[in-house]
Amino acid sequence: MFGTRKLGKTSAQRKALLRQQVTDLLENGKMETTFYRAKEVQPVVEKMITLGKKGNLAAYRRALSYITKEDVANKLFKEIAPKYADRNGGYTRVTRTGARRGDAAEMAVIELV
């Protein structure tokens, strides 16, 4: 269940961070961030792709209320979701890449499978 890690931010900052990272991941297909942020972003992205697979107007509006860019929501429904039509979950992969040089935070790459 997502929303259990506070990530050192207030709830409003945390929500804004997750919304932006979900948008960036869907836009680019791959993103490097800290491991714990990646683990928080993962279930949200999975839910967005599941909404994209539904494909109806209500699902589009729900996705658009979370994703910050309209063209990314269009890409989700027209390009990304049809690729996963025959897959039941597991749309993302988190791979650890090692420690960050400045503060030794554990880094990871999250990508669409």
PDB file of N, CA and C in Angstrom:
ATOM      1  N   MET A   1       0.836  -1.179   0.000  1.00  0.00           N
ATOM      2  CA  MET A   1       0.000   0.000   0.000  1.00  0.00           C
ATOM      3  C   MET A   1       0.877   1.236   0.000  1.00  0.00           C
ATOM      4  N   PHE A   2       0.632   2.154  -0.911  1.00  0.00           N
ATOM      5  CA  PHE A   2       1.452   3.340  -0.970  1.00  0.00           C
ATOM      6  C   PHE A   2       0.970   4.363   0.046  1.00  0.00           C
ATOM      7  N   GLY A   3       1.815   5.352   0.300  1.00  0.00           N
ATOM      8  CA  GLY A   3       1.468   6.393   1.253  1.00  0.00           C
ATOM      9  C   GLY A   3       1.935   6.102   2.661  1.00  0.00           C
ATOM     10  N   THR A   4       2.795   5.109   2.828  1.00  0.00           N
ATOM     11  CA  THR A   4       3.250   4.784   4.170  1.00  0.00           C
ATOM     12  C   THR A   4       4.558   5.475   4.517  1.00  0.00           C
ATOM     13  N   ARG A   5       5.349   5.831   3.525  1.00  0.00           N
ATOM     14  CA  ARG A   5       6.610   6.518   3.787  1.00  0.00           C
ATOM     15  C   ARG A   5       6.394   8.025   3.703  1.00  0.00           C
ATOM     16  N   LYS A   6       6.954   8.759   4.653  1.00  0.00           N
ATOM     17  CA  LYS A   6       6.752  10.206   4.660  1.00  0.00           C
ATOM     18  C   LYS A   6       7.765  10.952   3.795  1.00  0.00           C
ATOM     19  N   LEU A   7       8.914  10.344   3.525  1.00  0.00           N
ATOM     20  CA  LEU A   7       9.927  10.907   2.641  1.00  0.00           C
ATOM     21  C   LEU A   7      10.436  12.269   3.114  1.00  0.00           C
ATOM     22  N   GLY A   8      10.276  12.582   4.381  1.00  0.00           N
ATOM     23  CA  GLY A   8      10.782  13.835   4.925  1.00  0.00           C
ATOM     24  C   GLY A   8      10.035  15.060   4.443  1.00  0.00           C
ATOM     25  N   LYS A   9       8.769  14.905   4.075  1.00  0.00           N
ATOM     26  CA  LYS A   9       7.993  16.016   3.531  1.00  0.00           C
ATOM     27  C   LYS A   9       6.621  16.067   4.182  1.00  0.00           C
ATOM     28  N   THR A  10       5.997  17.234   4.103  1.00  0.00           N
ATOM     29  CA  THR A  10       4.615  17.346   4.563  1.00  0.00           C
ATOM     30  C   THR A  10       3.713  16.630   3.563  1.00  0.00           C
ATOM     31  N   SER A  11       2.466  16.420   3.930  1.00  0.00           N
ATOM     32  CA  SER A  11       1.580  15.643   3.059  1.00  0.00           C
ATOM     33  C   SER A  11       1.340  16.332   1.720  1.00  0.00           C
ATOM     34  N   ALA A  12       1.224  17.654   1.710  1.00  0.00           N
ATOM     35  CA  ALA A  12       1.011  18.379   0.459  1.00  0.00           C
ATOM     36  C   ALA A  12       2.248  18.296  -0.436  1.00  0.00           C
ATOM     37  N   GLN A  13       3.429  18.438   0.159  1.00  0.00           N
ATOM     38  CA  GLN A  13       4.667  18.333  -0.613  1.00  0.00           C
ATOM     39  C   GLN A  13       4.855  16.920  -1.156  1.00  0.00           C
ATOM     40  N   ARG A  14       4.501  15.946  -0.339  1.00  0.00           N
ATOM     41  CA  ARG A  14       4.638  14.545  -0.740  1.00  0.00           C
ATOM     42  C   ARG A  14       3.708  14.219  -1.904  1.00  0.00           C
ATOM     43  N   LYS A  15       2.481  14.711  -1.851  1.00  0.00           N
ATOM     44  CA  LYS A  15       1.531  14.480  -2.932  1.00  0.00           C
ATOM     45  C   LYS A  15       2.011  15.132  -4.230  1.00  0.00           C
ATOM     46  N   ALA A  16       2.523  16.355  -4.128  1.00  0.00           N
ATOM     47  CA  ALA A  16       3.028  17.052  -5.306  1.00  0.00           C
ATOM     48  C   ALA A  16       4.237  16.316  -5.889  1.00  0.00           C
ATOM     49  N   LEU A  17       5.111  15.819  -5.037  1.00  0.00           N
ATOM     50  CA  LEU A  17       6.280  15.073  -5.493  1.00  0.00           C
ATOM     51  C   LEU A  17       5.865  13.814  -6.242  1.00  0.00           C
ATOM     52  N   LEU A  18       4.917  13.059  -5.669  1.00  0.00           N
ATOM     53  CA  LEU A  18       4.471  11.821  -6.305  1.00  0.00           C
ATOM     54  C   LEU A  18       3.770  12.102  -7.633  1.00  0.00           C
ATOM     55  N   ARG A  19       2.946  13.133  -7.684  1.00  0.00           N
ATOM     56  CA  ARG A  19       2.265  13.483  -8.931  1.00  0.00           C
ATOM     57  C   ARG A  19       3.274  13.815 -10.023  1.00  0.00           C
ATOM     58  N   GLN A  20       4.288  14.600  -9.678  1.00  0.00           N
ATOM     59  CA  GLN A  20       5.280  14.999 -10.672  1.00  0.00           C
ATOM     60  C   GLN A  20       6.123  13.815 -11.121  1.00  0.00           C
ATOM     61  N   GLN A  21       6.499  12.956 -10.176  1.00  0.00           N
ATOM     62  CA  GLN A  21       7.325  11.808 -10.564  1.00  0.00           C
ATOM     63  C   GLN A  21       6.539  10.802 -11.394  1.00  0.00           C
ATOM     64  N   VAL A  22       5.272  10.621 -11.094  1.00  0.00           N
ATOM     65  CA  VAL A  22       4.435   9.737 -11.910  1.00  0.00           C
ATOM     66  C   VAL A  22       4.315  10.302 -13.322  1.00  0.00           C
ATOM     67  N   THR A  23       4.100  11.600 -13.433  1.00  0.00           N
ATOM     68  CA  THR A  23       3.998  12.245 -14.747  1.00  0.00           C
ATOM     69  C   THR A  23       5.297  12.089 -15.527  1.00  0.00           C
ATOM     70  N   ASP A  24       6.434  12.326 -14.871  1.00  0.00           N
ATOM     71  CA  ASP A  24       7.733  12.213 -15.547  1.00  0.00           C
ATOM     72  C   ASP A  24       8.012  10.782 -15.989  1.00  0.00           C
ATOM     73  N   LEU A  25       7.678   9.815 -15.150  1.00  0.00           N
ATOM     74  CA  LEU A  25       7.919   8.413 -15.505  1.00  0.00           C
ATOM     75  C   LEU A  25       7.063   7.996 -16.698  1.00  0.00           C
ATOM     76  N   LEU A  26       5.805   8.393 -16.717  1.00  0.00           N
ATOM     77  CA  LEU A  26       4.948   8.043 -17.850  1.00  0.00           C
ATOM     78  C   LEU A  26       5.376   8.770 -19.118  1.00  0.00           C
ATOM     79  N   GLU A  27       5.931   9.962 -18.968  1.00  0.00           N
ATOM     80  CA  GLU A  27       6.365  10.731 -20.129  1.00  0.00           C
ATOM     81  C   GLU A  27       7.641  10.150 -20.747  1.00  0.00           C
ATOM     82  N   ASN A  28       8.601   9.767 -19.891  1.00  0.00           N
ATOM     83  CA  ASN A  28       9.909   9.331 -20.378  1.00  0.00           C
ATOM     84  C   ASN A  28      10.092   7.817 -20.395  1.00  0.00           C
ATOM     85  N   GLY A  29       9.328   7.084 -19.612  1.00  0.00           N
ATOM     86  CA  GLY A  29       9.458   5.636 -19.577  1.00  0.00           C
ATOM     87  C   GLY A  29      10.495   5.129 -18.597  1.00  0.00           C
ATOM     88  N   LYS A  30      11.344   6.018 -18.092  1.00  0.00           N
ATOM     89  CA  LYS A  30      12.437   5.625 -17.201  1.00  0.00           C
ATOM     90  C   LYS A  30      12.835   6.829 -16.370  1.00  0.00           C
ATOM     91  N   MET A  31      13.238   6.590 -15.122  1.00  0.00           N
ATOM     92  CA  MET A  31      13.596   7.704 -14.251  1.00  0.00           C
ATOM     93  C   MET A  31      14.550   7.210 -13.164  1.00  0.00           C
ATOM     94  N   GLU A  32      15.526   8.029 -12.823  1.00  0.00           N
ATOM     95  CA  GLU A  32      16.430   7.696 -11.723  1.00  0.00           C
ATOM     96  C   GLU A  32      16.086   8.573 -10.525  1.00  0.00           C
ATOM     97  N   THR A  33      15.901   7.942  -9.375  1.00  0.00           N
ATOM     98  CA  THR A  33      15.530   8.638  -8.154  1.00  0.00           C
ATOM     99  C   THR A  33      16.036   7.810  -6.982  1.00  0.00           C
ATOM    100  N   THR A  34      15.736   8.237  -5.764  1.00  0.00           N
ATOM    101  CA  THR A  34      16.142   7.428  -4.615  1.00  0.00           C
ATOM    102  C   THR A  34      15.274   6.171  -4.558  1.00  0.00           C
ATOM    103  N   PHE A  35      15.792   5.148  -3.906  1.00  0.00           N
ATOM    104  CA  PHE A  35      15.107   3.853  -3.869  1.00  0.00           C
ATOM    105  C   PHE A  35      13.732   3.962  -3.229  1.00  0.00           C
ATOM    106  N   TYR A  36      13.634   4.682  -2.117  1.00  0.00           N
ATOM    107  CA  TYR A  36      12.360   4.749  -1.404  1.00  0.00           C
ATOM    108  C   TYR A  36      11.324   5.579  -2.153  1.00  0.00           C
ATOM    109  N   ARG A  37      11.758   6.598  -2.869  1.00  0.00           N
ATOM    110  CA  ARG A  37      10.821   7.344  -3.710  1.00  0.00           C
ATOM    111  C   ARG A  37      10.323   6.463  -4.844  1.00  0.00           C
ATOM    112  N   ALA A  38      11.217   5.676  -5.418  1.00  0.00           N
ATOM    113  CA  ALA A  38      10.815   4.772  -6.499  1.00  0.00           C
ATOM    114  C   ALA A  38       9.794   3.762  -6.005  1.00  0.00           C
ATOM    115  N   LYS A  39       9.978   3.254  -4.796  1.00  0.00           N
ATOM    116  CA  LYS A  39       9.040   2.277  -4.249  1.00  0.00           C
ATOM    117  C   LYS A  39       7.691   2.917  -3.925  1.00  0.00           C
ATOM    118  N   GLU A  40       7.659   4.211  -3.680  1.00  0.00           N
ATOM    119  CA  GLU A  40       6.388   4.910  -3.464  1.00  0.00           C
ATOM    120  C   GLU A  40       5.698   5.234  -4.782  1.00  0.00           C
ATOM    121  N   VAL A  41       6.469   5.536  -5.813  1.00  0.00           N
ATOM    122  CA  VAL A  41       5.911   5.889  -7.119  1.00  0.00           C
ATOM    123  C   VAL A  41       5.343   4.652  -7.820  1.00  0.00           C
ATOM    124  N   GLN A  42       5.946   3.500  -7.592  1.00  0.00           N
ATOM    125  CA  GLN A  42       5.588   2.285  -8.316  1.00  0.00           C
ATOM    126  C   GLN A  42       4.098   1.934  -8.262  1.00  0.00           C
ATOM    127  N   PRO A  43       3.460   1.835  -7.091  1.00  0.00           N
ATOM    128  CA  PRO A  43       2.045   1.455  -7.103  1.00  0.00           C
ATOM    129  C   PRO A  43       1.130   2.518  -7.718  1.00  0.00           C
ATOM    130  N   VAL A  44       1.531   3.791  -7.647  1.00  0.00           N
ATOM    131  CA  VAL A  44       0.702   4.843  -8.241  1.00  0.00           C
ATOM    132  C   VAL A  44       0.726   4.728  -9.762  1.00  0.00           C
ATOM    133  N   VAL A  45       1.913   4.459 -10.320  1.00  0.00           N
ATOM    134  CA  VAL A  45       2.036   4.290 -11.766  1.00  0.00           C
ATOM    135  C   VAL A  45       1.239   3.066 -12.218  1.00  0.00           C
ATOM    136  N   GLU A  46       1.285   2.002 -11.437  1.00  0.00           N
ATOM    137  CA  GLU A  46       0.525   0.797 -11.774  1.00  0.00           C
ATOM    138  C   GLU A  46      -0.973   1.108 -11.824  1.00  0.00           C
ATOM    139  N   LYS A  47      -1.461   1.911 -10.877  1.00  0.00           N
ATOM    140  CA  LYS A  47      -2.875   2.270 -10.870  1.00  0.00           C
ATOM    141  C   LYS A  47      -3.231   3.144 -12.072  1.00  0.00           C
ATOM    142  N   MET A  48      -2.325   4.040 -12.470  1.00  0.00           N
ATOM    143  CA  MET A  48      -2.584   4.882 -13.642  1.00  0.00           C
ATOM    144  C   MET A  48      -2.663   4.038 -14.911  1.00  0.00           C
ATOM    145  N   ILE A  49      -1.784   3.055 -15.044  1.00  0.00           N
ATOM    146  CA  ILE A  49      -1.815   2.197 -16.225  1.00  0.00           C
ATOM    147  C   ILE A  49      -3.085   1.358 -16.231  1.00  0.00           C
ATOM    148  N   THR A  50      -3.519   0.909 -15.050  1.00  0.00           N
ATOM    149  CA  THR A  50      -4.770   0.162 -14.964  1.00  0.00           C
ATOM    150  C   THR A  50      -5.951   1.037 -15.383  1.00  0.00           C
ATOM    151  N   LEU A  51      -5.934   2.308 -14.988  1.00  0.00           N
ATOM    152  CA  LEU A  51      -6.974   3.233 -15.458  1.00  0.00           C
ATOM    153  C   LEU A  51      -6.922   3.379 -16.975  1.00  0.00           C
ATOM    154  N   GLY A  52      -5.704   3.445 -17.519  1.00  0.00           N
ATOM    155  CA  GLY A  52      -5.549   3.549 -18.961  1.00  0.00           C
ATOM    156  C   GLY A  52      -6.086   2.341 -19.690  1.00  0.00           C
ATOM    157  N   LYS A  53      -5.964   1.171 -19.079  1.00  0.00           N
ATOM    158  CA  LYS A  53      -6.483  -0.053 -19.690  1.00  0.00           C
ATOM    159  C   LYS A  53      -8.008  -0.061 -19.719  1.00  0.00           C
ATOM    160  N   LYS A  54      -8.645   0.588 -18.745  1.00  0.00           N
ATOM    161  CA  LYS A  54     -10.112   0.667 -18.768  1.00  0.00           C
ATOM    162  C   LYS A  54     -10.577   1.461 -19.977  1.00  0.00           C
ATOM    163  N   GLY A  55      -9.934   2.592 -20.221  1.00  0.00           N
ATOM    164  CA  GLY A  55     -10.157   3.327 -21.454  1.00  0.00           C
ATOM    165  C   GLY A  55     -11.434   4.136 -21.557  1.00  0.00           C
ATOM    166  N   ASN A  56     -12.261   4.213 -20.520  1.00  0.00           N
ATOM    167  CA  ASN A  56     -13.493   4.991 -20.635  1.00  0.00           C
ATOM    168  C   ASN A  56     -13.271   6.429 -20.167  1.00  0.00           C
ATOM    169  N   LEU A  57     -14.281   7.252 -20.318  1.00  0.00           N
ATOM    170  CA  LEU A  57     -14.167   8.667 -20.002  1.00  0.00           C
ATOM    171  C   LEU A  57     -13.941   8.910 -18.517  1.00  0.00           C
ATOM    172  N   ALA A  58     -14.598   8.145 -17.665  1.00  0.00           N
ATOM    173  CA  ALA A  58     -14.431   8.317 -16.225  1.00  0.00           C
ATOM    174  C   ALA A  58     -12.995   8.001 -15.807  1.00  0.00           C
ATOM    175  N   ALA A  59     -12.418   6.955 -16.379  1.00  0.00           N
ATOM    176  CA  ALA A  59     -11.030   6.595 -16.065  1.00  0.00           C
ATOM    177  C   ALA A  59     -10.075   7.675 -16.564  1.00  0.00           C
ATOM    178  N   TYR A  60     -10.360   8.225 -17.747  1.00  0.00           N
ATOM    179  CA  TYR A  60      -9.514   9.299 -18.290  1.00  0.00           C
ATOM    180  C   TYR A  60      -9.533  10.520 -17.378  1.00  0.00           C
ATOM    181  N   ARG A  61     -10.708  10.865 -16.882  1.00  0.00           N
ATOM    182  CA  ARG A  61     -10.815  12.029 -15.999  1.00  0.00           C
ATOM    183  C   ARG A  61     -10.128  11.781 -14.668  1.00  0.00           C
ATOM    184  N   ARG A  62     -10.219  10.559 -14.138  1.00  0.00           N
ATOM    185  CA  ARG A  62      -9.521  10.235 -12.888  1.00  0.00           C
ATOM    186  C   ARG A  62      -8.018  10.320 -13.070  1.00  0.00           C
ATOM    187  N   ALA A  63      -7.514   9.817 -14.199  1.00  0.00           N
ATOM    188  CA  ALA A  63      -6.079   9.882 -14.477  1.00  0.00           C
ATOM    189  C   ALA A  63      -5.637  11.330 -14.666  1.00  0.00           C
ATOM    190  N   LEU A  64      -6.443  12.104 -15.353  1.00  0.00           N
ATOM    191  CA  LEU A  64      -6.103  13.503 -15.612  1.00  0.00           C
ATOM    192  C   LEU A  64      -6.117  14.330 -14.327  1.00  0.00           C
ATOM    193  N   SER A  65      -6.898  13.913 -13.334  1.00  0.00           N
ATOM    194  CA  SER A  65      -6.904  14.639 -12.072  1.00  0.00           C
ATOM    195  C   SER A  65      -5.619  14.409 -11.285  1.00  0.00           C
ATOM    196  N   TYR A  66      -4.868  13.360 -11.615  1.00  0.00           N
ATOM    197  CA  TYR A  66      -3.616  13.068 -10.906  1.00  0.00           C
ATOM    198  C   TYR A  66      -2.398  13.460 -11.733  1.00  0.00           C
ATOM    199  N   ILE A  67      -2.416  13.155 -13.026  1.00  0.00           N
ATOM    200  CA  ILE A  67      -1.291  13.472 -13.911  1.00  0.00           C
ATOM    201  C   ILE A  67      -1.308  14.967 -14.209  1.00  0.00           C
ATOM    202  N   THR A  68      -0.126  15.597 -14.200  1.00  0.00           N
ATOM    203  CA  THR A  68      -0.068  17.054 -14.302  1.00  0.00           C
ATOM    204  C   THR A  68      -0.057  17.579 -15.736  1.00  0.00           C
ATOM    205  N   LYS A  69       0.134  16.724 -16.737  1.00  0.00           N
ATOM    206  CA  LYS A  69       0.167  17.174 -18.127  1.00  0.00           C
ATOM    207  C   LYS A  69      -0.862  16.400 -18.938  1.00  0.00           C
ATOM    208  N   GLU A  70      -1.635  17.128 -19.714  1.00  0.00           N
ATOM    209  CA  GLU A  70      -2.694  16.488 -20.494  1.00  0.00           C
ATOM    210  C   GLU A  70      -2.139  15.605 -21.598  1.00  0.00           C
ATOM    211  N   ASP A  71      -1.022  16.014 -22.228  1.00  0.00           N
ATOM    212  CA  ASP A  71      -0.465  15.190 -23.298  1.00  0.00           C
ATOM    213  C   ASP A  71       0.091  13.873 -22.769  1.00  0.00           C
ATOM    214  N   VAL A  72       0.541  13.838 -21.514  1.00  0.00           N
ATOM    215  CA  VAL A  72       1.000  12.585 -20.904  1.00  0.00           C
ATOM    216  C   VAL A  72      -0.192  11.665 -20.648  1.00  0.00           C
ATOM    217  N   ALA A  73      -1.322  12.228 -20.244  1.00  0.00           N
ATOM    218  CA  ALA A  73      -2.528  11.420 -20.053  1.00  0.00           C
ATOM    219  C   ALA A  73      -2.991  10.830 -21.384  1.00  0.00           C
ATOM    220  N   ASN A  74      -2.922  11.615 -22.457  1.00  0.00           N
ATOM    221  CA  ASN A  74      -3.259  11.091 -23.778  1.00  0.00           C
ATOM    222  C   ASN A  74      -2.310   9.966 -24.180  1.00  0.00           C
ATOM    223  N   LYS A  75      -1.025  10.157 -23.915  1.00  0.00           N
ATOM    224  CA  LYS A  75      -0.031   9.122 -24.225  1.00  0.00           C
ATOM    225  C   LYS A  75      -0.318   7.856 -23.431  1.00  0.00           C
ATOM    226  N   LEU A  76      -0.708   8.016 -22.161  1.00  0.00           N
ATOM    227  CA  LEU A  76      -1.035   6.866 -21.315  1.00  0.00           C
ATOM    228  C   LEU A  76      -2.172   6.056 -21.926  1.00  0.00           C
ATOM    229  N   PHE A  77      -3.224   6.713 -22.362  1.00  0.00           N
ATOM    230  CA  PHE A  77      -4.398   6.010 -22.865  1.00  0.00           C
ATOM    231  C   PHE A  77      -4.232   5.498 -24.290  1.00  0.00           C
ATOM    232  N   LYS A  78      -3.419   6.172 -25.109  1.00  0.00           N
ATOM    233  CA  LYS A  78      -3.303   5.783 -26.515  1.00  0.00           C
ATOM    234  C   LYS A  78      -2.098   4.901 -26.814  1.00  0.00           C
ATOM    235  N   GLU A  79      -0.994   5.042 -26.058  1.00  0.00           N
ATOM    236  CA  GLU A  79       0.230   4.295 -26.372  1.00  0.00           C
ATOM    237  C   GLU A  79       0.629   3.313 -25.273  1.00  0.00           C
ATOM    238  N   ILE A  80       0.675   3.774 -24.030  1.00  0.00           N
ATOM    239  CA  ILE A  80       1.226   2.951 -22.955  1.00  0.00           C
ATOM    240  C   ILE A  80       0.272   1.830 -22.555  1.00  0.00           C
ATOM    241  N   ALA A  81      -0.967   2.152 -22.250  1.00  0.00           N
ATOM    242  CA  ALA A  81      -1.924   1.156 -21.771  1.00  0.00           C
ATOM    243  C   ALA A  81      -2.195   0.038 -22.783  1.00  0.00           C
ATOM    244  N   PRO A  82      -2.338   0.308 -24.083  1.00  0.00           N
ATOM    245  CA  PRO A  82      -2.554  -0.803 -25.018  1.00  0.00           C
ATOM    246  C   PRO A  82      -1.402  -1.812 -25.056  1.00  0.00           C
ATOM    247  N   LYS A  83      -0.170  -1.375 -24.746  1.00  0.00           N
ATOM    248  CA  LYS A  83       0.954  -2.315 -24.710  1.00  0.00           C
ATOM    249  C   LYS A  83       0.778  -3.365 -23.616  1.00  0.00           C
ATOM    250  N   TYR A  84       0.088  -2.988 -22.531  1.00  0.00           N
ATOM    251  CA  TYR A  84      -0.076  -3.885 -21.392  1.00  0.00           C
ATOM    252  C   TYR A  84      -1.465  -4.502 -21.337  1.00  0.00           C
ATOM    253  N   ALA A  85      -2.167  -4.570 -22.451  1.00  0.00           N
ATOM    254  CA  ALA A  85      -3.542  -5.057 -22.468  1.00  0.00           C
ATOM    255  C   ALA A  85      -3.657  -6.505 -21.994  1.00  0.00           C
ATOM    256  N   ASP A  86      -2.651  -7.325 -22.292  1.00  0.00           N
ATOM    257  CA  ASP A  86      -2.716  -8.738 -21.919  1.00  0.00           C
ATOM    258  C   ASP A  86      -1.950  -9.048 -20.633  1.00  0.00           C
ATOM    259  N   ARG A  87      -1.509  -8.033 -19.929  1.00  0.00           N
ATOM    260  CA  ARG A  87      -0.694  -8.223 -18.718  1.00  0.00           C
ATOM    261  C   ARG A  87      -1.504  -7.824 -17.488  1.00  0.00           C
ATOM    262  N   ASN A  88      -1.460  -8.649 -16.448  1.00  0.00           N
ATOM    263  CA  ASN A  88      -2.215  -8.378 -15.224  1.00  0.00           C
ATOM    264  C   ASN A  88      -1.304  -7.823 -14.134  1.00  0.00           C
ATOM    265  N   GLY A  89      -0.862  -6.609 -14.275  1.00  0.00           N
ATOM    266  CA  GLY A  89      -0.017  -5.979 -13.267  1.00  0.00           C
ATOM    267  C   GLY A  89       1.459  -6.193 -13.563  1.00  0.00           C
ATOM    268  N   GLY A  90       2.305  -5.603 -12.725  1.00  0.00           N
ATOM    269  CA  GLY A  90       3.749  -5.722 -12.920  1.00  0.00           C
ATOM    270  C   GLY A  90       4.232  -4.917 -14.106  1.00  0.00           C
ATOM    271  N   TYR A  91       3.775  -3.675 -14.212  1.00  0.00           N
ATOM    272  CA  TYR A  91       4.125  -2.849 -15.359  1.00  0.00           C
ATOM    273  C   TYR A  91       5.443  -2.100 -15.164  1.00  0.00           C
ATOM    274  N   THR A  92       5.944  -2.046 -13.941  1.00  0.00           N
ATOM    275  CA  THR A  92       7.161  -1.282 -13.652  1.00  0.00           C
ATOM    276  C   THR A  92       8.206  -2.181 -13.000  1.00  0.00           C
ATOM    277  N   ARG A  93       9.457  -1.734 -13.084  1.00  0.00           N
ATOM    278  CA  ARG A  93      10.575  -2.441 -12.491  1.00  0.00           C
ATOM    279  C   ARG A  93      11.456  -1.433 -11.762  1.00  0.00           C
ATOM    280  N   VAL A  94      11.854  -1.752 -10.537  1.00  0.00           N
ATOM    281  CA  VAL A  94      12.768  -0.909  -9.767  1.00  0.00           C
ATOM    282  C   VAL A  94      14.083  -1.658  -9.630  1.00  0.00           C
ATOM    283  N   THR A  95      15.181  -1.020 -10.082  1.00  0.00           N
ATOM    284  CA  THR A  95      16.502  -1.621 -10.023  1.00  0.00           C
ATOM    285  C   THR A  95      17.420  -0.713  -9.216  1.00  0.00           C
ATOM    286  N   ARG A  96      18.034  -1.258  -8.191  1.00  0.00           N
ATOM    287  CA  ARG A  96      18.972  -0.464  -7.387  1.00  0.00           C
ATOM    288  C   ARG A  96      20.249  -0.215  -8.176  1.00  0.00           C
ATOM    289  N   THR A  97      20.787   1.018  -8.055  1.00  0.00           N
ATOM    290  CA  THR A  97      21.996   1.363  -8.811  1.00  0.00           C
ATOM    291  C   THR A  97      23.182   1.715  -7.930  1.00  0.00           C
ATOM    292  N   GLY A  98      23.017   1.760  -6.615  1.00  0.00           N
ATOM    293  CA  GLY A  98      24.126   2.085  -5.733  1.00  0.00           C
ATOM    294  C   GLY A  98      23.886   3.376  -4.983  1.00  0.00           C
ATOM    295  N   ALA A  99      24.914   3.835  -4.300  1.00  0.00           N
ATOM    296  CA  ALA A  99      24.796   5.025  -3.454  1.00  0.00           C
ATOM    297  C   ALA A  99      25.110   6.288  -4.238  1.00  0.00           C
ATOM    298  N   ARG A 100      24.406   7.368  -3.909  1.00  0.00           N
ATOM    299  CA  ARG A 100      24.659   8.674  -4.510  1.00  0.00           C
ATOM    300  C   ARG A 100      25.931   9.236  -3.883  1.00  0.00           C
ATOM    301  N   ARG A 101      26.730   9.934  -4.662  1.00  0.00           N
ATOM    302  CA  ARG A 101      28.030  10.404  -4.203  1.00  0.00           C
ATOM    303  C   ARG A 101      27.932  11.439  -3.087  1.00  0.00           C
ATOM    304  N   GLY A 102      27.008  12.369  -3.170  1.00  0.00           N
ATOM    305  CA  GLY A 102      26.956  13.462  -2.219  1.00  0.00           C
ATOM    306  C   GLY A 102      26.529  13.069  -0.823  1.00  0.00           C
ATOM    307  N   ASP A 103      25.435  12.316  -0.697  1.00  0.00           N
ATOM    308  CA  ASP A 103      24.904  12.000   0.625  1.00  0.00           C
ATOM    309  C   ASP A 103      24.725  10.499   0.862  1.00  0.00           C
ATOM    310  N   ALA A 104      25.226   9.675  -0.048  1.00  0.00           N
ATOM    311  CA  ALA A 104      25.179   8.219   0.060  1.00  0.00           C
ATOM    312  C   ALA A 104      23.748   7.675   0.116  1.00  0.00           C
ATOM    313  N   ALA A 105      22.785   8.415  -0.456  1.00  0.00           N
ATOM    314  CA  ALA A 105      21.420   7.910  -0.535  1.00  0.00           C
ATOM    315  C   ALA A 105      21.374   6.782  -1.563  1.00  0.00           C
ATOM    316  N   GLU A 106      20.621   5.742  -1.257  1.00  0.00           N
ATOM    317  CA  GLU A 106      20.533   4.611  -2.162  1.00  0.00           C
ATOM    318  C   GLU A 106      19.690   4.994  -3.382  1.00  0.00           C
ATOM    319  N   MET A 107      20.278   4.881  -4.557  1.00  0.00           N
ATOM    320  CA  MET A 107      19.612   5.284  -5.797  1.00  0.00           C
ATOM    321  C   MET A 107      19.028   4.076  -6.505  1.00  0.00           C
ATOM    322  N   ALA A 108      18.015   4.329  -7.332  1.00  0.00           N
ATOM    323  CA  ALA A 108      17.374   3.275  -8.097  1.00  0.00           C
ATOM    324  C   ALA A 108      16.853   3.836  -9.411  1.00  0.00           C
ATOM    325  N   VAL A 109      16.684   2.966 -10.376  1.00  0.00           N
ATOM    326  CA  VAL A 109      16.066   3.322 -11.647  1.00  0.00           C
ATOM    327  C   VAL A 109      14.708   2.623 -11.686  1.00  0.00           C
ATOM    328  N   ILE A 110      13.673   3.396 -11.934  1.00  0.00           N
ATOM    329  CA  ILE A 110      12.339   2.832 -12.120  1.00  0.00           C
ATOM    330  C   ILE A 110      11.980   3.008 -13.577  1.00  0.00           C
ATOM    331  N   GLU A 111      11.492   1.930 -14.190  1.00  0.00           N
ATOM    332  CA  GLU A 111      11.206   1.957 -15.623  1.00  0.00           C
ATOM    333  C   GLU A 111       9.978   1.133 -15.914  1.00  0.00           C
ATOM    334  N   LEU A 112       9.345   1.452 -17.037  1.00  0.00           N
ATOM    335  CA  LEU A 112       8.221   0.656 -17.509  1.00  0.00           C
ATOM    336  C   LEU A 112       8.765  -0.601 -18.154  1.00  0.00           C
ATOM    337  N   VAL A 113       8.157  -1.743 -17.867  1.00  0.00           N
ATOM    338  CA  VAL A 113       8.645  -3.019 -18.395  1.00  0.00           C
ATOM    339  C   VAL A 113       8.250  -3.151 -19.845  1.00  0.00           C
TER     340      VAL A 113
END
